[in-house]
Structures are given as C-alpha cells and as structure tokens.
Amino acid sequence: MRSIWNGAISFGLVSIPIKLVNATESHSISFRQIHLADGGRVRYRKVCELDGEEVSGAEIGKGYEEADGSVIPITDEDLAQLPLATAKTIEIMSFVPAEEIDPLQMDAAYYLAANGATAAKPYTLLREALKRSRKVAIAKFALRGRERLGMLRVVDDVIAMHGLLWPDEIRVPEGVAPDVDVTVRDAELDLADALMATLGEVELASLHDDYRDAVEAMIAAKAGGAFEPAEATVEPAGGQVIDLMAALEKSVRAAKASRGEGGGPDGAAAESGTEAEVTPMRRRGGAGRKTSAAPKAVGGKKSTAASAKKTAAAAKTTSKKKSTTAESTTAKSGTGKSTTAKSGTGKSTTARSGTTKSTATKSTSAAGAKKAATPRKRSSA
C-alpha cells in the first residue's frame, strides 16, 4: 500500500520510524458531468477573477480571506517556520481505556507501518504494550497543514491510528431530542427486548452495498444496449399513526419467520406462510373488539338472548294460565257459587305475558247457569 505520510512515533524517549497508510477506501461509484445535447464532458477550469486567464496548478498558492474580503497570502515556507513539534512526529501523550473515547470523535483511520528494519523492535514493543494494557494511546500529529488528534490501537498485528475530532468540534445536541413527555411502558420495553433478541447479531463481513450492485448492473446493461428501465414501487413512508405494541409484536414474529424459528403459535404461523395475527391495543369506545360471550346489559336493558328466553317462558305461562282458568270456571259453576258480581264489574284477567283478554262472555254464561240451578233468595225486611 502506498504511504501518504512519513514520520516517527514518539513514545517517551523511544522514536519509532513509521509510514502512514490509509486504512479505508471508498467504493462509491462516481459520475462525470456531461452536456446532455451531445454527451461531451463538462470540466471546471480555474480562472483568475482579475484578468480572466486560466491558471495552472503551479501558479496557485494559499491565501486567508479576512472579513472585509481582503486576502493575505500564506506560503509553505510560512507554515514550515511555525513551532509545530508534531510536524513529522506522532507524539503519544497518554494511555486511556478505549471506552472513554466517544465514537462521535472518530474520523479517518490509518495503518502505521514500521519504516525500516531498525523500527521493527520498538514497533513490536509498543504493539505488545498496548495489547497487555488493554488501553489506547492518545497522540497529536500534523497532517495536511493542520495539527490533529489521534487514537492508537492494535488491529490484529498492526498498530492503527484513528483521527479524532477535537472536543470543541463536537456539537451539543440541543433541540434534537423530542420536546414532549413520552412514557414507555414495561410491556413495550419487553417486546423491544424480544425483537432485539430475535434479530440477534450479524457478521459485518456479510453485509454489502446493494445499491452499488444495482448501479453497476444498470451500467453494464446500458453498455450492452439491453437495459430496460422499470418503474420502482416506493411505499410512502411517515405520516401514519401506528399501534406501537402491534407493530412490535408483528416485527418479532416476522423476525422469527425470517430466521426459520418455530415453536408455539408464532412458529406455526411462520411455517404456514400466513401472516400472524396481531393483538391490537385497547382503545376507548371498544371499537373493533371481538367478544365470544353474549352481549351484556347496557343501561338497564336486557340482552337479546335473555329477552328471547323470557318471551318463551311467558308464552308457556300464558298457555298454562288459559287451561287453568278454563278448569277453574267449570269447577266454580259446579259448586253453585255466584260469580255475577265478578262478571258485572267487567274486569279482565291479565296474563303475565302482558296480553289482556276479556272474560265477560264466559262470566255471563256461567251466571246464567247458576241462576237456573239455584233459586234467588229474598232479602228479609
């Protein structure tokens, strides 16, 4: 690998000559700007604002622009004369536990390679000391015209250095967190934990850029003249109020199905290929609830099932009443007791079912029979 910087690690009085090598590389696909009319390349040319002439790289220098717009020229000689101890040195200042480094400070990563045979022994000494201490080294170094902060750690058998942002370069997250009070229930946390456990861990080496693969396939198809654009179906995201508990339950079941896990109702649903049902959260008003039992009485009214039973019982009682009334009338007419007074009132007999039936005709015929059987008594003076 090509080195981008040569210098030395200053470890107390020990100096370790090293070469700095980029530890990462970009695989993103870059595009050129073209003229749509004829496909010609569009390039940017560096032109002087004063004379309008194009300027080559050898004629371009550095300058600092002040607030009033005036520019102060800065040469490489000016920068070289600055009292910068880390111009060619990675100066280790301290050793700290790795967990004390905020990941927000992480910047570019580099490999430090021993530069020459004489550097092998001190390089190995520093590497083994870092391994045994389980700590990382905090250092200063200068690169591309500015002093930077770095963190040294061991990766396999190589010392790696991560560029760190200075503490004052990290923004305070003001106004980023939700500004409303939100209460998270234990049941929701339990489902979130279950989802995390179901998703499990992943090997980072197995992950790749699907979008880049699609772009490369499209470029290859267009180069071969066999590219047929297809309309992409993008589902609208956001703007929907979701049931958090239902979404978590469904996510857990979907994750189990994707991992081929069975066991219980969830596993059966996953194996059958059908979508598992999600128990919705209770809402006010009871909309959408399913009940297996008969509906309960509301506002003092009895249920339909209860009313049906009551009506059947009332009809049964009414028929029994009718037969009992007929038998009673026959018995009364046989004993010779007078019911004229009762028939004269014109009152009707009411059954429990709520239906009123008149008995005036029956009373009249019964009274006539009694008159024939029993002589009228005269009242004494």
Protein backbone atom coordinates (compact mmCIF):
# COMPACT_ATOMS: atom_id res chain seq x y z
CA MET A 1 0.00 0.00 0.00
CA ARG A 2 1.15 3.49 -0.82
CA SER A 3 2.14 5.65 2.15
CA ILE A 4 0.75 9.18 2.46
CA TRP A 5 3.00 10.45 5.26
CA ASN A 6 6.41 9.55 6.71
CA GLY A 7 7.47 10.34 10.26
CA ALA A 8 8.01 8.75 13.64
CA ILE A 9 6.09 7.74 16.76
CA SER A 10 7.41 9.49 19.86
CA PHE A 11 7.00 7.06 22.77
CA GLY A 12 8.80 8.84 25.62
CA LEU A 13 12.46 8.78 24.60
CA VAL A 14 11.81 5.99 22.10
CA SER A 15 11.39 7.03 18.46
CA ILE A 16 9.76 4.60 16.03
CA PRO A 17 10.07 5.45 12.32
CA ILE A 18 6.74 4.75 10.61
CA LYS A 19 4.83 5.22 7.39
CA LEU A 20 1.19 6.32 7.37
CA VAL A 21 -1.14 4.30 5.10
CA ASN A 22 -4.86 4.80 4.51
CA ALA A 23 -6.80 2.05 6.27
CA THR A 24 -10.04 2.64 4.36
CA GLU A 25 -11.09 3.16 0.76
CA SER A 26 -14.24 4.34 -0.90
CA HIS A 27 -16.12 2.04 -3.28
CA SER A 28 -18.78 4.57 -4.21
CA ILE A 29 -19.43 5.00 -7.92
CA SER A 30 -18.58 8.45 -9.19
CA PHE A 31 -20.20 10.13 -12.19
CA ARG A 32 -18.97 12.79 -14.59
CA GLN A 33 -20.88 15.86 -15.64
CA ILE A 34 -21.79 15.82 -19.32
CA HIS A 35 -23.52 18.03 -21.84
CA LEU A 36 -26.95 16.44 -22.43
CA ALA A 37 -27.12 17.65 -26.03
CA ASP A 38 -24.03 15.81 -27.28
CA GLY A 39 -22.62 13.89 -24.26
CA GLY A 40 -19.46 15.97 -24.06
CA ARG A 41 -17.58 16.27 -20.76
CA VAL A 42 -18.16 19.40 -18.72
CA ARG A 43 -14.99 20.49 -16.90
CA TYR A 44 -14.23 23.17 -14.38
CA ARG A 45 -11.38 25.48 -15.22
CA LYS A 46 -9.54 27.60 -12.66
CA VAL A 47 -9.69 31.17 -13.84
CA CYS A 48 -8.29 34.29 -12.18
CA GLU A 49 -11.01 36.78 -11.32
CA LEU A 50 -8.83 39.79 -12.17
CA ASP A 51 -7.52 39.01 -15.63
CA GLY A 52 -9.88 36.19 -16.64
CA GLU A 53 -6.97 33.93 -17.58
CA GLU A 54 -6.91 30.19 -16.82
CA VAL A 55 -4.33 29.37 -14.11
CA SER A 56 -2.28 26.16 -13.86
CA GLY A 57 -1.65 24.29 -10.61
CA ALA A 58 1.93 25.57 -10.33
CA GLU A 59 0.65 29.15 -10.22
CA ILE A 60 -1.87 28.54 -7.44
CA GLY A 61 -0.99 29.27 -3.81
CA LYS A 62 -2.78 29.68 -0.45
CA GLY A 63 -4.42 32.76 0.96
CA TYR A 64 -6.52 33.65 4.01
CA GLU A 65 -9.60 35.79 3.36
CA GLU A 66 -10.47 38.27 6.07
CA ALA A 67 -13.92 39.57 6.96
CA ASP A 68 -13.59 42.63 4.70
CA GLY A 69 -12.79 40.41 1.69
CA SER A 70 -9.07 41.15 1.54
CA VAL A 71 -6.77 38.11 1.09
CA ILE A 72 -3.48 37.54 2.94
CA PRO A 73 -1.09 35.22 1.03
CA ILE A 74 0.26 32.23 3.03
CA THR A 75 3.21 30.27 1.67
CA ASP A 76 4.50 26.81 2.54
CA GLU A 77 7.62 28.45 3.98
CA ASP A 78 5.44 30.43 6.39
CA LEU A 79 3.80 27.26 7.64
CA ALA A 80 7.14 25.41 7.89
CA GLN A 81 8.53 28.06 10.24
CA LEU A 82 5.74 27.56 12.77
CA PRO A 83 6.88 25.94 16.08
CA LEU A 84 4.94 22.73 15.43
CA ALA A 85 6.56 19.81 17.25
CA THR A 86 4.25 17.30 15.58
CA ALA A 87 5.12 18.28 12.01
CA LYS A 88 6.72 14.88 11.40
CA THR A 89 6.00 13.16 14.68
CA ILE A 90 3.07 11.29 16.21
CA GLU A 91 3.52 12.34 19.82
CA ILE A 92 1.90 9.98 22.35
CA MET A 93 0.61 11.95 25.34
CA SER A 94 -1.30 9.39 27.45
CA PHE A 95 -2.98 6.00 27.60
CA VAL A 96 -6.69 5.68 28.42
CA PRO A 97 -9.34 2.91 28.38
CA ALA A 98 -10.96 2.57 24.96
CA GLU A 99 -14.47 3.12 26.36
CA GLU A 100 -13.54 6.68 27.31
CA ILE A 101 -13.37 7.67 23.64
CA ASP A 102 -16.65 8.97 22.31
CA PRO A 103 -17.43 7.38 18.91
CA LEU A 104 -18.60 10.81 17.74
CA GLN A 105 -14.94 11.86 17.73
CA MET A 106 -13.88 9.10 15.33
CA ASP A 107 -12.59 10.35 11.98
CA ALA A 108 -10.40 8.80 9.27
CA ALA A 109 -8.44 5.62 10.01
CA TYR A 110 -4.81 4.82 9.13
CA TYR A 111 -2.37 1.94 9.47
CA LEU A 112 1.05 2.64 10.94
CA ALA A 113 3.76 0.55 9.26
CA ALA A 114 7.30 0.17 10.61
CA ASN A 115 9.66 2.07 8.33
CA GLY A 116 12.84 0.00 8.08
CA ALA A 117 14.40 -2.93 9.91
CA THR A 118 15.52 -0.79 12.86
CA ALA A 119 11.91 0.16 13.57
CA ALA A 120 10.71 -3.44 13.95
CA LYS A 121 11.76 -3.90 17.60
CA PRO A 122 10.31 -0.64 19.09
CA TYR A 123 7.20 -1.04 16.91
CA THR A 124 6.59 -4.54 18.29
CA LEU A 125 7.27 -3.31 21.84
CA LEU A 126 4.59 -0.59 21.57
CA ARG A 127 2.13 -3.02 20.00
CA GLU A 128 2.51 -5.61 22.75
CA ALA A 129 2.33 -2.94 25.46
CA LEU A 130 -1.00 -1.74 24.04
CA LYS A 131 -2.32 -5.31 23.93
CA ARG A 132 -1.38 -6.10 27.52
CA SER A 133 -2.65 -2.82 28.96
CA ARG A 134 -5.99 -3.09 27.12
CA LYS A 135 -5.77 0.65 26.57
CA VAL A 136 -5.44 3.02 23.64
CA ALA A 137 -2.87 5.77 23.16
CA ILE A 138 -3.89 9.39 22.66
CA ALA A 139 -1.49 11.31 20.41
CA LYS A 140 -1.07 14.51 18.40
CA PHE A 141 0.14 14.63 14.80
CA ALA A 142 0.21 17.08 11.91
CA LEU A 143 -1.28 16.21 8.52
CA ARG A 144 -2.25 18.32 5.52
CA GLY A 145 -1.36 21.62 7.11
CA ARG A 146 -3.02 21.25 10.48
CA GLU A 147 -2.46 19.57 13.83
CA ARG A 148 -4.79 16.70 14.61
CA LEU A 149 -5.70 14.41 17.47
CA GLY A 150 -5.31 10.65 17.13
CA MET A 151 -6.00 7.38 18.90
CA LEU A 152 -3.64 4.41 18.51
CA ARG A 153 -4.90 0.85 18.99
CA VAL A 154 -3.96 -2.64 17.88
CA VAL A 155 -5.75 -4.32 14.96
CA ASP A 156 -4.51 -7.89 14.50
CA ASP A 157 -0.72 -7.42 14.47
CA VAL A 158 -0.75 -3.82 13.26
CA ILE A 159 -0.94 -0.50 15.08
CA ALA A 160 -3.84 1.51 13.70
CA MET A 161 -4.49 5.19 14.26
CA HIS A 162 -7.90 6.84 14.18
CA GLY A 163 -8.03 10.54 13.61
CA LEU A 164 -10.10 12.20 16.33
CA LEU A 165 -12.04 15.42 16.18
CA TRP A 166 -11.10 17.97 18.77
CA PRO A 167 -13.59 18.18 21.67
CA ASP A 168 -14.74 21.65 20.61
CA GLU A 169 -15.62 20.27 17.15
CA ILE A 170 -18.41 18.09 18.60
CA ARG A 171 -21.76 19.84 18.60
CA VAL A 172 -24.03 19.78 21.63
CA PRO A 173 -27.31 18.03 20.66
CA GLU A 174 -29.59 20.91 21.56
CA GLY A 175 -33.16 20.71 20.26
CA VAL A 176 -32.64 17.25 18.76
CA ALA A 177 -34.42 15.07 21.34
CA PRO A 178 -38.27 15.02 21.40
CA ASP A 179 -39.59 18.01 23.29
CA VAL A 180 -42.70 16.21 24.59
CA ASP A 181 -43.07 13.94 27.60
CA VAL A 182 -43.32 10.32 26.47
CA THR A 183 -44.00 7.38 28.77
CA VAL A 184 -42.73 3.97 27.69
CA ARG A 185 -44.48 1.02 29.31
CA ASP A 186 -42.72 -2.09 30.57
CA ALA A 187 -44.70 -4.23 28.10
CA GLU A 188 -43.35 -2.16 25.20
CA LEU A 189 -39.80 -2.48 26.51
CA ASP A 190 -40.26 -6.24 26.86
CA LEU A 191 -41.37 -6.50 23.22
CA ALA A 192 -38.45 -4.33 22.11
CA ASP A 193 -36.06 -6.62 24.02
CA ALA A 194 -37.68 -9.65 22.40
CA LEU A 195 -37.23 -8.09 18.95
CA MET A 196 -33.58 -7.32 19.67
CA ALA A 197 -33.00 -10.87 20.87
CA THR A 198 -34.74 -12.31 17.80
CA LEU A 199 -32.75 -10.20 15.35
CA GLY A 200 -29.59 -11.30 17.14
CA GLU A 201 -26.11 -10.48 15.88
CA VAL A 202 -24.79 -10.18 12.35
CA GLU A 203 -21.38 -10.72 10.79
CA LEU A 204 -20.35 -7.35 9.41
CA ALA A 205 -18.29 -9.08 6.72
CA SER A 206 -21.52 -10.48 5.25
CA LEU A 207 -23.01 -7.02 4.66
CA HIS A 208 -22.60 -5.30 1.29
CA ASP A 209 -23.88 -2.32 -0.66
CA ASP A 210 -26.98 -3.47 -2.58
CA TYR A 211 -27.45 -0.06 -4.19
CA ARG A 212 -23.94 -0.09 -5.62
CA ASP A 213 -24.55 -3.57 -7.07
CA ALA A 214 -27.75 -2.32 -8.73
CA VAL A 215 -25.96 0.71 -10.21
CA GLU A 216 -23.15 -1.48 -11.59
CA ALA A 217 -25.69 -3.88 -13.12
CA MET A 218 -27.52 -0.97 -14.73
CA ILE A 219 -24.29 0.44 -16.18
CA ALA A 220 -23.35 -2.98 -17.58
CA ALA A 221 -26.81 -3.40 -19.14
CA LYS A 222 -26.72 0.07 -20.71
CA ALA A 223 -23.24 -0.57 -22.08
CA GLY A 224 -24.55 -3.75 -23.73
CA GLY A 225 -27.66 -1.99 -25.06
CA ALA A 226 -30.04 -4.32 -23.23
CA PHE A 227 -31.19 -2.02 -20.46
CA GLU A 228 -34.93 -1.75 -19.90
CA PRO A 229 -35.89 0.72 -17.17
CA ALA A 230 -38.56 -0.50 -14.77
CA GLU A 231 -40.74 1.64 -12.59
CA ALA A 232 -39.72 1.35 -8.97
CA THR A 233 -42.53 0.98 -6.47
CA VAL A 234 -41.74 3.05 -3.43
CA GLU A 235 -44.07 2.81 -0.48
CA PRO A 236 -44.86 6.16 1.13
CA ALA A 237 -43.15 6.49 4.49
CA GLY A 238 -44.19 8.50 7.50
CA GLY A 239 -47.40 10.37 8.28
CA GLN A 240 -49.15 7.27 9.68
CA VAL A 241 -50.16 6.72 13.28
CA ILE A 242 -49.25 3.15 14.16
CA ASP A 243 -50.12 0.90 17.06
CA LEU A 244 -46.70 0.56 18.69
CA MET A 245 -47.49 -2.67 20.54
CA ALA A 246 -48.98 -4.27 17.42
CA ALA A 247 -46.01 -3.18 15.31
CA LEU A 248 -43.55 -4.63 17.82
CA GLU A 249 -45.42 -7.94 18.04
CA LYS A 250 -45.59 -8.20 14.26
CA SER A 251 -41.89 -7.35 13.97
CA VAL A 252 -40.95 -10.10 16.44
CA ARG A 253 -42.99 -12.67 14.51
CA ALA A 254 -41.60 -11.54 11.17
CA ALA A 255 -38.04 -11.76 12.51
CA LYS A 256 -38.68 -15.27 13.81
CA ALA A 257 -40.16 -16.29 10.46
CA SER A 258 -37.15 -14.92 8.57
CA ARG A 259 -34.80 -16.91 10.81
CA GLY A 260 -36.91 -20.07 10.39
CA GLU A 261 -37.72 -20.32 14.06
CA GLY A 262 -40.83 -22.26 15.09
CA GLY A 263 -42.39 -23.19 18.37
CA GLY A 264 -45.86 -22.27 19.55
CA PRO A 265 -48.45 -20.28 17.64
CA ASP A 266 -45.85 -17.89 16.31
CA GLY A 267 -43.79 -20.68 14.78
CA ALA A 268 -46.87 -22.31 13.26
CA ALA A 269 -47.88 -19.06 11.62
CA ALA A 270 -44.38 -18.59 10.26
CA GLU A 271 -44.19 -22.11 8.84
CA SER A 272 -47.58 -21.92 7.16
CA GLY A 273 -46.57 -18.75 5.39
CA THR A 274 -49.58 -16.80 6.64
CA GLU A 275 -49.32 -13.51 8.37
CA ALA A 276 -49.54 -13.79 12.13
CA GLU A 277 -52.39 -12.00 13.83
CA VAL A 278 -51.50 -9.03 15.99
CA THR A 279 -53.38 -8.29 19.19
CA PRO A 280 -54.44 -4.64 18.99
CA MET A 281 -54.18 -2.28 21.91
CA ARG A 282 -57.38 -1.45 23.74
CA ARG A 283 -58.95 1.80 22.66
CA ARG A 284 -61.72 3.88 24.15
CA GLY A 285 -65.17 3.14 22.83
CA GLY A 286 -64.45 -0.56 22.29
CA ALA A 287 -64.38 -0.22 18.51
CA GLY A 288 -63.29 -3.35 16.73
CA ARG A 289 -63.32 -5.63 19.76
CA LYS A 290 -64.29 -9.27 19.30
CA THR A 291 -66.40 -10.91 22.05
CA SER A 292 -67.26 -14.57 22.24
CA ALA A 293 -69.78 -14.23 25.07
CA ALA A 294 -73.33 -12.85 24.74
CA PRO A 295 -73.61 -9.05 24.95
CA LYS A 296 -74.08 -7.70 28.42
CA ALA A 297 -76.93 -5.46 29.56
CA VAL A 298 -76.34 -1.80 28.84
CA GLY A 299 -78.29 0.99 30.52
CA GLY A 300 -80.70 -1.38 32.33
CA LYS A 301 -81.80 -3.20 29.13
CA LYS A 302 -81.54 -6.95 29.00
CA SER A 303 -79.72 -8.74 26.21
CA THR A 304 -81.42 -10.27 23.18
CA ALA A 305 -80.78 -13.81 24.38
CA ALA A 306 -82.28 -13.06 27.76
CA SER A 307 -85.37 -11.43 26.15
CA ALA A 308 -85.90 -14.47 23.93
CA LYS A 309 -85.79 -16.78 26.94
CA LYS A 310 -88.21 -14.52 28.85
CA THR A 311 -90.69 -14.42 25.93
CA ALA A 312 -90.67 -18.21 25.62
CA ALA A 313 -91.26 -18.58 29.34
CA ALA A 314 -94.09 -16.02 29.25
CA ALA A 315 -95.80 -17.83 26.36
CA LYS A 316 -95.59 -21.10 28.28
CA THR A 317 -97.04 -19.49 31.37
CA THR A 318 -99.89 -17.96 29.35
CA SER A 319 -100.98 -21.31 27.90
CA LYS A 320 -100.86 -22.86 31.33
CA LYS A 321 -102.95 -19.97 32.68
CA LYS A 322 -105.56 -20.42 29.99
CA SER A 323 -106.04 -24.11 30.77
CA THR A 324 -106.11 -23.41 34.48
CA THR A 325 -108.74 -20.67 34.01
CA ALA A 326 -110.99 -22.99 32.00
CA GLU A 327 -110.78 -25.71 34.63
CA SER A 328 -111.45 -23.20 37.39
CA THR A 329 -114.56 -21.86 35.63
CA THR A 330 -116.04 -25.34 35.23
CA ALA A 331 -115.39 -26.14 38.87
CA LYS A 332 -116.97 -22.92 40.04
CA SER A 333 -120.12 -23.46 38.00
CA GLY A 334 -120.46 -26.97 39.54
CA THR A 335 -120.28 -25.79 43.17
CA GLY A 336 -123.10 -23.32 42.70
CA LYS A 337 -121.29 -20.23 43.83
CA SER A 338 -122.39 -16.99 42.21
CA THR A 339 -119.98 -15.04 40.09
CA THR A 340 -122.45 -12.41 38.96
CA ALA A 341 -120.71 -9.69 40.89
CA LYS A 342 -117.42 -10.50 39.25
CA SER A 343 -118.93 -10.53 35.78
CA GLY A 344 -120.71 -7.24 36.38
CA THR A 345 -117.54 -5.41 37.06
CA GLY A 346 -116.35 -6.04 33.52
CA LYS A 347 -112.82 -6.58 34.70
CA SER A 348 -110.45 -8.60 32.53
CA THR A 349 -107.92 -11.22 33.50
CA THR A 350 -104.35 -10.26 32.64
CA ALA A 351 -101.70 -12.88 31.92
CA ARG A 352 -98.03 -12.45 32.86
CA SER A 353 -97.11 -12.15 29.18
CA GLY A 354 -98.67 -8.69 29.13
CA THR A 355 -101.72 -9.57 26.89
CA THR A 356 -105.19 -8.63 28.34
CA LYS A 357 -108.04 -10.93 27.45
CA SER A 358 -111.71 -10.20 28.29
CA THR A 359 -113.71 -12.80 30.26
CA ALA A 360 -117.10 -11.02 30.15
CA THR A 361 -118.71 -13.61 27.85
CA LYS A 362 -117.59 -16.54 29.98
CA SER A 363 -118.82 -14.81 33.14
CA THR A 364 -122.30 -14.16 31.62
CA SER A 365 -122.80 -17.77 30.59
CA ALA A 366 -121.61 -19.00 33.95
CA ALA A 367 -124.02 -16.64 35.74
CA GLY A 368 -126.99 -17.92 33.67
CA ALA A 369 -126.18 -21.49 34.58
CA LYS A 370 -126.05 -20.65 38.25
CA LYS A 371 -129.43 -18.86 38.12
CA ALA A 372 -131.04 -21.98 36.70
CA ALA A 373 -129.56 -24.21 39.36
CA THR A 374 -130.01 -22.05 42.46
CA PRO A 375 -133.33 -20.19 43.40
CA ARG A 376 -132.99 -16.47 44.15
CA LYS A 377 -133.17 -15.69 47.90
CA ARG A 378 -135.35 -12.82 49.05
CA SER A 379 -133.87 -10.43 51.50
CA SER A 380 -135.69 -10.26 54.81
CA ALA A 381 -137.19 -7.00 55.96
